């Protein structure tokens, strides 16, 4: 009787330990999975922010280049017009 009671008690303790171990593993697995999800979300957000920053920088550089080209073109045209006007005036005055 005593042996049977002792075996039953021991079996109950093992079963309780197994359940507790499974519960602990499940909790650990759940925590690990939530950490992985958080890391993935952070990585995705960082990548999106970097891509947006790169696109904005490229757009700003392109706009600056276009503005510089337009300004240089306008200056060249103005210089050419002034030179032509001066030459015409000199020719008219000399002739």
Protein backbone atom coordinates (compact mmCIF):
# COMPACT_ATOMS: atom_id res chain seq x y z
CA UNK A 1 0.00 0.00 0.00
CA UNK A 2 2.71 2.35 1.02
CA UNK A 3 4.70 1.56 -2.11
CA UNK A 4 1.66 2.15 -4.30
CA UNK A 5 1.00 5.47 -2.60
CA UNK A 6 4.65 6.45 -2.95
CA UNK A 7 4.66 5.49 -6.65
CA UNK A 8 1.49 7.43 -7.22
CA UNK A 9 2.89 10.46 -5.44
CA UNK A 10 6.15 10.21 -7.40
CA UNK A 11 4.24 9.86 -10.67
CA UNK A 12 2.13 12.86 -9.79
CA UNK A 13 5.25 14.92 -9.04
CA UNK A 14 6.85 13.87 -12.36
CA UNK A 15 3.69 14.73 -14.22
CA UNK A 16 3.55 18.10 -12.50
CA UNK A 17 7.23 18.72 -13.34
CA UNK A 18 6.64 17.76 -16.98
CA UNK A 19 3.66 20.08 -17.21
CA UNK A 20 5.62 22.89 -15.58
CA UNK A 21 8.56 22.25 -17.94
CA UNK A 22 6.27 22.27 -20.99
CA UNK A 23 4.61 25.46 -19.79
CA UNK A 24 8.02 27.07 -19.25
CA UNK A 25 9.19 25.98 -22.72
CA UNK A 26 6.00 27.27 -24.29
CA UNK A 27 6.37 30.61 -22.51
CA UNK A 28 10.02 30.83 -23.55
CA UNK A 29 9.10 29.97 -27.15
CA UNK A 30 6.37 32.62 -27.13
CA UNK A 31 8.80 35.24 -25.79
CA UNK A 32 11.39 34.26 -28.37
CA UNK A 33 8.86 34.49 -31.17
CA UNK A 34 7.66 37.93 -30.02
CA UNK A 35 11.29 39.13 -29.87
CA UNK A 36 11.83 37.89 -33.45
CA UNK A 37 8.70 39.74 -34.61
CA UNK A 38 9.84 42.96 -32.91
CA UNK A 39 13.32 42.65 -34.46
CA UNK A 40 11.83 42.06 -37.93
CA UNK A 41 9.51 45.07 -37.57
CA UNK A 42 12.40 47.29 -36.43
CA UNK A 43 14.59 46.12 -39.35
CA UNK A 44 11.78 46.77 -41.85
CA UNK A 45 11.15 50.26 -40.42
CA UNK A 46 14.87 51.10 -40.54
CA UNK A 47 15.13 49.87 -44.16
CA UNK A 48 12.07 51.92 -45.19
CA UNK A 49 13.45 55.05 -43.48
CA UNK A 50 16.86 54.58 -45.16
CA UNK A 51 15.21 54.11 -48.59
CA UNK A 52 13.06 57.23 -48.09
CA UNK A 53 16.10 59.28 -47.02
CA UNK A 54 18.10 58.06 -50.04
CA UNK A 55 15.24 58.91 -52.41
CA UNK A 56 14.86 62.39 -50.89
CA UNK A 57 18.62 63.02 -51.16
CA UNK A 58 18.65 61.88 -54.81
CA UNK A 59 15.66 64.11 -55.64
CA UNK A 60 17.31 67.11 -53.94
CA UNK A 61 20.58 66.49 -55.81
CA UNK A 62 18.74 66.21 -59.15
CA UNK A 63 16.81 69.44 -58.47
CA UNK A 64 20.00 71.28 -57.53
CA UNK A 65 21.76 70.04 -60.69
CA UNK A 66 18.81 71.11 -62.86
CA UNK A 67 18.72 74.57 -61.23
CA UNK A 68 22.48 75.01 -61.71
CA UNK A 69 22.23 73.97 -65.37
CA UNK A 70 19.34 76.39 -65.96
CA UNK A 71 21.16 79.27 -64.24
CA UNK A 72 24.37 78.60 -66.21
CA UNK A 73 22.37 78.45 -69.45
CA UNK A 74 20.66 81.75 -68.70
CA UNK A 75 23.98 83.41 -67.86
CA UNK A 76 25.54 82.10 -71.10
CA UNK A 77 22.58 83.37 -73.14
CA UNK A 78 22.74 86.80 -71.45
CA UNK A 79 26.51 87.03 -72.07
CA UNK A 80 26.07 86.07 -75.73
CA UNK A 81 23.29 88.64 -76.18
CA UNK A 82 25.38 91.36 -74.54
CA UNK A 83 28.39 90.52 -76.71
CA UNK A 84 26.25 90.58 -79.87
CA UNK A 85 24.69 93.92 -78.89
CA UNK A 86 28.11 95.42 -78.15
CA UNK A 87 29.51 94.16 -81.47
CA UNK A 88 26.51 95.56 -83.36
CA UNK A 89 26.83 98.92 -81.60
CA UNK A 90 30.57 99.07 -82.31
CA UNK A 91 30.01 98.20 -85.96
CA UNK A 92 27.26 100.81 -86.30
CA UNK A 93 29.35 103.48 -84.61
CA UNK A 94 32.44 102.70 -86.68
CA UNK A 95 30.56 102.56 -89.96
